[in-house]
């Protein structure tokens, strides 16, 4: 394992499209700078048609703008944590030298499945409670 990197197994399933597809298991890099589970667009056909599919614009780590396809809802299970239903993003990614891709596991999925990053031991740990402090309160700041 490379210092500073946390890679975890994630199972993804489109249960809600016209025809449910079998789950797909991937190894994803935990990236708290990413919002969603981000998969390579080259894998999209593995999941079939989603109930919701729409183009979106995003900004990637290099600060460049990129087109993504937001799809959902998907059933996502991070190994060792409760499964959650949320949207995923498909992005054009360049394969590595071995032809593989590095999916990203972002903070919204981590928060939904109550997982936190343990920076000392480079692993995910369970949270007892949902963190509502960042969600804000309706009407706050008005």
N, C-alpha and C. Protein backbone atom coordinates (compact mmCIF):
# COMPACT_ATOMS: atom_id res chain seq x y z
N UNK A 1 0.84 -1.19 0.00
CA UNK A 1 0.00 0.00 0.00
C UNK A 1 0.88 1.24 0.00
N UNK A 2 0.52 2.19 -0.83
CA UNK A 2 1.23 3.46 -0.89
C UNK A 2 0.77 4.34 0.25
N UNK A 3 1.71 5.00 0.92
CA UNK A 3 1.37 5.87 2.04
C UNK A 3 0.44 6.97 1.56
N UNK A 4 -0.61 7.22 2.34
CA UNK A 4 -1.53 8.29 2.01
C UNK A 4 -2.66 7.88 1.10
N UNK A 5 -2.69 6.65 0.65
CA UNK A 5 -3.75 6.18 -0.24
C UNK A 5 -4.60 5.14 0.46
N UNK A 6 -5.90 5.28 0.33
CA UNK A 6 -6.83 4.28 0.85
C UNK A 6 -7.64 3.79 -0.33
N UNK A 7 -7.54 2.50 -0.59
CA UNK A 7 -8.31 1.87 -1.66
C UNK A 7 -9.22 0.85 -1.00
N UNK A 8 -10.49 0.85 -1.38
CA UNK A 8 -11.45 -0.06 -0.77
C UNK A 8 -12.32 -0.70 -1.83
N UNK A 9 -12.87 -1.84 -1.50
CA UNK A 9 -13.75 -2.56 -2.42
C UNK A 9 -15.16 -1.98 -2.32
N UNK A 10 -15.76 -1.75 -3.48
CA UNK A 10 -17.10 -1.17 -3.56
C UNK A 10 -17.93 -2.00 -4.53
N UNK A 11 -19.14 -2.34 -4.13
CA UNK A 11 -20.06 -3.04 -5.02
C UNK A 11 -21.12 -2.04 -5.49
N UNK A 12 -21.34 -2.01 -6.80
CA UNK A 12 -22.27 -1.05 -7.40
C UNK A 12 -23.31 -1.82 -8.21
N UNK A 13 -24.56 -1.39 -8.06
CA UNK A 13 -25.63 -2.09 -8.75
C UNK A 13 -26.71 -1.10 -9.19
N UNK A 14 -27.14 -1.25 -10.42
CA UNK A 14 -28.27 -0.47 -10.93
C UNK A 14 -29.51 -1.35 -10.77
N UNK A 15 -30.23 -1.14 -9.70
CA UNK A 15 -31.43 -1.94 -9.43
C UNK A 15 -32.69 -1.27 -9.96
N UNK A 16 -32.58 -0.06 -10.43
CA UNK A 16 -33.77 0.74 -10.65
C UNK A 16 -34.01 1.10 -12.10
N UNK A 17 -33.19 0.61 -13.00
CA UNK A 17 -33.39 0.89 -14.41
C UNK A 17 -34.44 -0.05 -15.00
N UNK A 18 -34.65 0.03 -16.30
CA UNK A 18 -35.63 -0.83 -16.95
C UNK A 18 -35.35 -2.32 -16.73
N UNK A 19 -34.08 -2.68 -16.70
CA UNK A 19 -33.70 -4.06 -16.42
C UNK A 19 -32.56 -4.05 -15.41
N UNK A 20 -32.80 -4.52 -14.19
CA UNK A 20 -31.71 -4.56 -13.20
C UNK A 20 -30.52 -5.38 -13.72
N UNK A 21 -29.33 -4.96 -13.34
CA UNK A 21 -28.11 -5.64 -13.78
C UNK A 21 -27.40 -6.25 -12.58
N UNK A 22 -26.56 -7.25 -12.83
CA UNK A 22 -25.82 -7.83 -11.71
C UNK A 22 -24.86 -6.81 -11.10
N UNK A 23 -24.55 -6.97 -9.81
CA UNK A 23 -23.61 -6.04 -9.17
C UNK A 23 -22.23 -6.11 -9.79
N UNK A 24 -21.55 -4.98 -9.76
CA UNK A 24 -20.17 -4.88 -10.24
C UNK A 24 -19.31 -4.49 -9.06
N UNK A 25 -18.24 -5.25 -8.80
CA UNK A 25 -17.33 -4.95 -7.70
C UNK A 25 -16.09 -4.27 -8.28
N UNK A 26 -15.71 -3.13 -7.66
CA UNK A 26 -14.54 -2.38 -8.10
C UNK A 26 -13.70 -1.99 -6.89
N UNK A 27 -12.43 -1.75 -7.12
CA UNK A 27 -11.57 -1.16 -6.10
C UNK A 27 -11.53 0.34 -6.38
N UNK A 28 -11.87 1.15 -5.38
CA UNK A 28 -11.95 2.60 -5.57
C UNK A 28 -11.01 3.32 -4.61
N UNK A 29 -10.42 4.37 -5.10
CA UNK A 29 -9.57 5.24 -4.29
C UNK A 29 -10.46 6.17 -3.48
N UNK A 30 -10.29 6.18 -2.16
CA UNK A 30 -11.04 7.09 -1.32
C UNK A 30 -10.50 8.49 -1.58
N UNK A 31 -11.39 9.38 -2.02
CA UNK A 31 -11.01 10.74 -2.39
C UNK A 31 -12.01 11.70 -1.78
N UNK A 32 -11.67 12.26 -0.61
CA UNK A 32 -12.60 13.16 0.07
C UNK A 32 -12.72 14.51 -0.65
N UNK A 33 -11.94 14.71 -1.69
CA UNK A 33 -12.10 15.90 -2.53
C UNK A 33 -13.13 15.68 -3.63
N UNK A 34 -13.54 14.44 -3.82
CA UNK A 34 -14.58 14.12 -4.80
C UNK A 34 -15.93 14.05 -4.09
N UNK A 35 -16.97 14.36 -4.79
CA UNK A 35 -18.29 14.33 -4.14
C UNK A 35 -18.96 12.97 -4.23
N UNK A 36 -18.93 12.32 -5.38
CA UNK A 36 -19.68 11.10 -5.64
C UNK A 36 -18.75 9.90 -5.84
N UNK A 37 -19.35 8.76 -6.09
CA UNK A 37 -18.60 7.64 -6.64
C UNK A 37 -18.42 7.97 -8.11
N UNK A 38 -17.18 8.01 -8.58
CA UNK A 38 -16.87 8.38 -9.96
C UNK A 38 -16.28 7.16 -10.65
N UNK A 39 -16.95 6.73 -11.71
CA UNK A 39 -16.52 5.56 -12.48
C UNK A 39 -16.16 5.99 -13.89
N UNK A 40 -15.30 5.20 -14.56
CA UNK A 40 -14.96 5.55 -15.95
C UNK A 40 -16.18 5.37 -16.87
N UNK A 41 -16.33 6.29 -17.78
CA UNK A 41 -17.44 6.22 -18.74
C UNK A 41 -17.37 4.91 -19.54
N UNK A 42 -16.19 4.36 -19.71
CA UNK A 42 -16.02 3.11 -20.46
C UNK A 42 -16.77 1.94 -19.79
N UNK A 43 -17.10 2.05 -18.52
CA UNK A 43 -17.80 0.98 -17.81
C UNK A 43 -19.32 1.17 -17.78
N UNK A 44 -19.81 2.28 -18.27
CA UNK A 44 -21.23 2.60 -18.12
C UNK A 44 -22.15 1.50 -18.65
N UNK A 45 -21.81 0.92 -19.78
CA UNK A 45 -22.69 -0.09 -20.37
C UNK A 45 -22.82 -1.34 -19.49
N UNK A 46 -21.90 -1.57 -18.58
CA UNK A 46 -22.01 -2.71 -17.65
C UNK A 46 -23.26 -2.59 -16.77
N UNK A 47 -23.74 -1.37 -16.60
CA UNK A 47 -24.84 -1.11 -15.67
C UNK A 47 -26.19 -0.96 -16.36
N UNK A 48 -26.22 -0.96 -17.68
CA UNK A 48 -27.48 -0.78 -18.38
C UNK A 48 -27.98 0.64 -18.24
N UNK A 49 -29.26 0.84 -18.61
CA UNK A 49 -29.86 2.17 -18.52
C UNK A 49 -30.33 2.43 -17.10
N UNK A 50 -30.03 3.61 -16.58
CA UNK A 50 -30.48 4.01 -15.25
C UNK A 50 -31.83 4.72 -15.36
N UNK A 51 -32.53 4.78 -14.26
CA UNK A 51 -33.80 5.51 -14.21
C UNK A 51 -33.57 6.98 -14.52
N UNK A 52 -32.46 7.52 -14.04
CA UNK A 52 -32.09 8.92 -14.29
C UNK A 52 -30.70 8.94 -14.91
N UNK A 53 -30.58 9.61 -16.02
CA UNK A 53 -29.28 9.82 -16.66
C UNK A 53 -29.30 11.23 -17.23
N UNK A 54 -28.34 12.05 -16.79
CA UNK A 54 -28.30 13.40 -17.35
C UNK A 54 -26.86 13.91 -17.38
N UNK A 55 -26.56 14.71 -18.40
CA UNK A 55 -25.23 15.29 -18.49
C UNK A 55 -25.08 16.42 -17.46
N UNK A 56 -23.91 16.53 -16.92
CA UNK A 56 -23.57 17.59 -15.96
C UNK A 56 -22.16 18.07 -16.26
N UNK A 57 -21.84 19.23 -15.77
CA UNK A 57 -20.48 19.77 -15.86
C UNK A 57 -19.88 19.72 -14.46
N UNK A 58 -18.60 19.47 -14.39
CA UNK A 58 -17.91 19.41 -13.11
C UNK A 58 -16.51 19.98 -13.27
N UNK A 59 -15.84 20.14 -12.17
CA UNK A 59 -14.45 20.57 -12.17
C UNK A 59 -13.64 19.46 -11.50
N UNK A 60 -12.58 19.03 -12.13
CA UNK A 60 -11.75 17.94 -11.61
C UNK A 60 -10.58 18.50 -10.81
N UNK A 61 -9.77 17.62 -10.26
CA UNK A 61 -8.68 18.03 -9.37
C UNK A 61 -7.70 19.01 -10.01
N UNK A 62 -7.55 18.95 -11.34
CA UNK A 62 -6.65 19.87 -12.03
C UNK A 62 -7.29 21.22 -12.30
N UNK A 63 -8.53 21.40 -11.79
CA UNK A 63 -9.33 22.62 -11.96
C UNK A 63 -9.88 22.77 -13.38
N UNK A 64 -9.71 21.76 -14.22
CA UNK A 64 -10.30 21.79 -15.55
C UNK A 64 -11.76 21.39 -15.45
N UNK A 65 -12.56 21.89 -16.37
CA UNK A 65 -13.97 21.52 -16.44
C UNK A 65 -14.07 20.21 -17.23
N UNK A 66 -15.01 19.37 -16.82
CA UNK A 66 -15.21 18.09 -17.49
C UNK A 66 -16.69 17.79 -17.56
N UNK A 67 -17.09 17.09 -18.61
CA UNK A 67 -18.46 16.63 -18.75
C UNK A 67 -18.58 15.26 -18.12
N UNK A 68 -19.61 15.08 -17.31
CA UNK A 68 -19.89 13.80 -16.69
C UNK A 68 -21.34 13.43 -16.98
N UNK A 69 -21.66 12.16 -16.75
CA UNK A 69 -23.04 11.73 -16.81
C UNK A 69 -23.44 11.31 -15.41
N UNK A 70 -24.43 12.00 -14.85
CA UNK A 70 -24.95 11.66 -13.53
C UNK A 70 -26.02 10.59 -13.74
N UNK A 71 -25.89 9.46 -13.05
CA UNK A 71 -26.81 8.34 -13.22
C UNK A 71 -27.29 7.87 -11.86
N UNK A 72 -28.54 7.40 -11.83
CA UNK A 72 -29.01 6.88 -10.57
C UNK A 72 -30.46 6.51 -10.60
N UNK A 73 -30.94 6.12 -9.47
CA UNK A 73 -30.13 5.84 -8.30
C UNK A 73 -29.40 4.50 -8.45
N UNK A 74 -28.29 4.39 -7.77
CA UNK A 74 -27.51 3.15 -7.75
C UNK A 74 -27.43 2.65 -6.31
N UNK A 75 -27.35 1.35 -6.17
CA UNK A 75 -27.12 0.74 -4.86
C UNK A 75 -25.61 0.60 -4.72
N UNK A 76 -25.03 1.18 -3.69
CA UNK A 76 -23.58 1.17 -3.49
C UNK A 76 -23.28 0.59 -2.12
N UNK A 77 -22.38 -0.37 -2.09
CA UNK A 77 -21.97 -0.95 -0.81
C UNK A 77 -20.45 -0.90 -0.69
N UNK A 78 -19.99 -0.07 0.23
CA UNK A 78 -18.57 0.00 0.54
C UNK A 78 -18.29 -1.16 1.49
N UNK A 79 -17.27 -1.93 1.20
CA UNK A 79 -16.98 -3.13 1.99
C UNK A 79 -16.90 -2.81 3.48
N UNK A 80 -17.72 -3.53 4.27
CA UNK A 80 -17.72 -3.35 5.71
C UNK A 80 -18.72 -2.32 6.22
N UNK A 81 -19.48 -1.71 5.31
CA UNK A 81 -20.43 -0.66 5.69
C UNK A 81 -21.80 -0.95 5.08
N UNK A 82 -22.81 -0.26 5.59
CA UNK A 82 -24.17 -0.42 5.07
C UNK A 82 -24.25 0.06 3.63
N UNK A 83 -25.11 -0.59 2.85
CA UNK A 83 -25.30 -0.14 1.47
C UNK A 83 -26.19 1.10 1.46
N UNK A 84 -26.01 1.92 0.45
CA UNK A 84 -26.75 3.17 0.31
C UNK A 84 -27.23 3.29 -1.13
N UNK A 85 -28.24 4.14 -1.31
CA UNK A 85 -28.73 4.45 -2.66
C UNK A 85 -28.44 5.90 -2.94
N UNK A 86 -27.73 6.13 -4.02
CA UNK A 86 -27.39 7.50 -4.41
C UNK A 86 -26.99 7.52 -5.87
N UNK A 87 -26.71 8.69 -6.39
CA UNK A 87 -26.29 8.83 -7.77
C UNK A 87 -24.80 8.57 -7.90
N UNK A 88 -24.38 8.20 -9.11
CA UNK A 88 -22.96 8.03 -9.41
C UNK A 88 -22.64 8.88 -10.64
N UNK A 89 -21.37 9.15 -10.84
CA UNK A 89 -20.92 9.93 -11.99
C UNK A 89 -20.05 9.06 -12.88
N UNK A 90 -20.26 9.18 -14.18
CA UNK A 90 -19.38 8.54 -15.16
C UNK A 90 -18.59 9.63 -15.86
N UNK A 91 -17.27 9.46 -15.89
CA UNK A 91 -16.35 10.47 -16.40
C UNK A 91 -15.39 9.81 -17.39
N UNK A 92 -15.02 10.54 -18.43
CA UNK A 92 -13.98 10.04 -19.34
C UNK A 92 -12.67 10.00 -18.56
N UNK A 93 -12.13 8.80 -18.40
CA UNK A 93 -10.86 8.61 -17.68
C UNK A 93 -9.86 7.97 -18.63
N UNK A 94 -8.60 8.29 -18.41
CA UNK A 94 -7.54 7.65 -19.18
C UNK A 94 -7.12 6.38 -18.44
N UNK A 95 -7.04 5.25 -19.15
CA UNK A 95 -6.58 4.03 -18.48
C UNK A 95 -5.10 4.13 -18.12
N UNK A 96 -4.70 3.38 -17.09
CA UNK A 96 -3.29 3.35 -16.73
C UNK A 96 -2.54 2.47 -17.72
N UNK A 97 -1.26 2.25 -17.49
CA UNK A 97 -0.43 1.47 -18.41
C UNK A 97 -0.92 0.04 -18.59
N UNK A 98 -1.62 -0.50 -17.60
CA UNK A 98 -2.14 -1.86 -17.68
C UNK A 98 -3.55 -1.91 -18.25
N UNK A 99 -4.09 -0.75 -18.65
CA UNK A 99 -5.44 -0.70 -19.21
C UNK A 99 -6.53 -0.60 -18.16
N UNK A 100 -6.14 -0.44 -16.90
CA UNK A 100 -7.12 -0.33 -15.81
C UNK A 100 -7.48 1.11 -15.51
N UNK A 101 -8.50 1.26 -14.69
CA UNK A 101 -8.97 2.58 -14.27
C UNK A 101 -8.96 2.67 -12.75
N UNK A 102 -8.96 3.89 -12.25
CA UNK A 102 -9.01 4.11 -10.81
C UNK A 102 -10.27 4.89 -10.44
N UNK A 103 -11.36 4.17 -10.13
CA UNK A 103 -12.57 4.85 -9.68
C UNK A 103 -12.30 5.63 -8.39
N UNK A 104 -13.11 6.66 -8.16
CA UNK A 104 -12.96 7.49 -6.96
C UNK A 104 -14.20 7.33 -6.08
N UNK A 105 -13.98 7.19 -4.80
CA UNK A 105 -15.06 7.11 -3.82
C UNK A 105 -15.09 8.41 -3.05
N UNK A 106 -16.11 9.23 -3.30
CA UNK A 106 -16.19 10.57 -2.73
C UNK A 106 -16.93 10.66 -1.41
N UNK A 107 -16.94 11.87 -0.87
CA UNK A 107 -17.43 12.09 0.49
C UNK A 107 -18.92 11.87 0.67
N UNK A 108 -19.75 12.09 -0.35
CA UNK A 108 -21.19 11.89 -0.12
C UNK A 108 -21.51 10.43 0.16
N UNK A 109 -20.87 9.53 -0.56
CA UNK A 109 -21.09 8.10 -0.31
C UNK A 109 -20.54 7.72 1.05
N UNK A 110 -19.36 8.23 1.40
CA UNK A 110 -18.78 7.93 2.71
C UNK A 110 -19.70 8.40 3.83
N UNK A 111 -20.24 9.61 3.71
CA UNK A 111 -21.14 10.13 4.74
C UNK A 111 -22.42 9.31 4.84
N UNK A 112 -22.98 8.94 3.69
CA UNK A 112 -24.22 8.17 3.70
C UNK A 112 -24.06 6.79 4.34
N UNK A 113 -22.92 6.16 4.12
CA UNK A 113 -22.71 4.82 4.71
C UNK A 113 -22.03 4.90 6.08
N UNK A 114 -21.90 6.11 6.60
CA UNK A 114 -21.32 6.38 7.92
C UNK A 114 -19.88 5.84 8.05
N UNK A 115 -19.07 6.21 7.06
CA UNK A 115 -17.65 5.85 7.08
C UNK A 115 -16.82 7.13 7.21
N UNK A 116 -15.76 7.04 7.99
CA UNK A 116 -14.83 8.16 8.16
C UNK A 116 -13.44 7.69 7.78
N UNK A 117 -12.59 8.62 7.43
CA UNK A 117 -11.22 8.31 7.06
C UNK A 117 -10.32 8.40 8.28
N UNK A 118 -9.63 7.32 8.59
CA UNK A 118 -8.62 7.29 9.65
C UNK A 118 -7.28 7.56 8.99
N UNK A 119 -6.81 8.80 9.10
CA UNK A 119 -5.57 9.19 8.41
C UNK A 119 -4.33 8.54 9.00
N UNK A 120 -4.36 8.23 10.30
CA UNK A 120 -3.20 7.61 10.93
C UNK A 120 -2.96 6.18 10.43
N UNK A 121 -4.04 5.42 10.28
CA UNK A 121 -3.91 4.01 9.89
C UNK A 121 -4.31 3.75 8.44
N UNK A 122 -4.62 4.80 7.69
CA UNK A 122 -4.96 4.70 6.27
C UNK A 122 -6.04 3.65 6.03
N UNK A 123 -7.20 3.91 6.65
CA UNK A 123 -8.33 2.99 6.50
C UNK A 123 -9.63 3.75 6.75
N UNK A 124 -10.73 3.08 6.43
CA UNK A 124 -12.05 3.63 6.74
C UNK A 124 -12.51 3.06 8.07
N UNK A 125 -13.16 3.90 8.87
CA UNK A 125 -13.68 3.46 10.16
C UNK A 125 -15.15 3.85 10.25
N UNK A 126 -15.94 3.09 11.02
CA UNK A 126 -17.37 3.41 11.13
C UNK A 126 -17.63 4.59 12.06
N UNK A 127 -18.64 5.36 11.70
CA UNK A 127 -19.13 6.43 12.56
C UNK A 127 -20.38 5.93 13.27
N UNK A 128 -20.59 6.40 14.49
CA UNK A 128 -21.79 6.01 15.23
C UNK A 128 -23.01 6.77 14.73
N UNK A 129 -22.80 8.01 14.29
CA UNK A 129 -23.91 8.89 13.97
C UNK A 129 -23.69 9.55 12.62
N UNK A 130 -24.77 9.98 11.99
CA UNK A 130 -24.67 10.82 10.81
C UNK A 130 -24.18 12.19 11.26
N UNK A 131 -23.31 12.81 10.46
CA UNK A 131 -22.81 14.15 10.76
C UNK A 131 -23.73 15.17 10.09
N UNK A 132 -24.56 15.82 10.88
CA UNK A 132 -25.49 16.80 10.35
C UNK A 132 -24.98 18.23 10.50
N UNK A 133 -23.81 18.41 11.07
CA UNK A 133 -23.30 19.76 11.33
C UNK A 133 -23.07 20.53 10.03
N UNK A 134 -22.59 19.84 8.99
CA UNK A 134 -22.31 20.54 7.73
C UNK A 134 -23.55 20.72 6.89
N UNK A 135 -24.62 20.00 7.21
CA UNK A 135 -25.85 20.09 6.39
C UNK A 135 -26.53 21.43 6.57
N UNK A 136 -26.30 22.10 7.68
CA UNK A 136 -26.94 23.40 7.91
C UNK A 136 -28.38 23.23 8.36
N UNK A 137 -28.98 24.32 8.69
CA UNK A 137 -30.36 24.34 9.17
C UNK A 137 -31.18 25.18 8.20
N UNK A 138 -32.39 24.74 7.89
CA UNK A 138 -33.24 25.50 6.99
C UNK A 138 -33.39 26.94 7.49
N UNK A 139 -33.16 27.87 6.59
CA UNK A 139 -33.30 29.28 6.95
C UNK A 139 -32.06 29.90 7.57
N UNK A 140 -31.04 29.09 7.85
CA UNK A 140 -29.83 29.60 8.47
C UNK A 140 -29.11 30.56 7.53
N UNK A 141 -28.62 31.65 8.06
CA UNK A 141 -27.84 32.60 7.28
C UNK A 141 -28.69 33.56 6.45
N UNK A 142 -29.99 33.58 6.71
CA UNK A 142 -30.84 34.50 5.94
C UNK A 142 -31.15 35.73 6.73
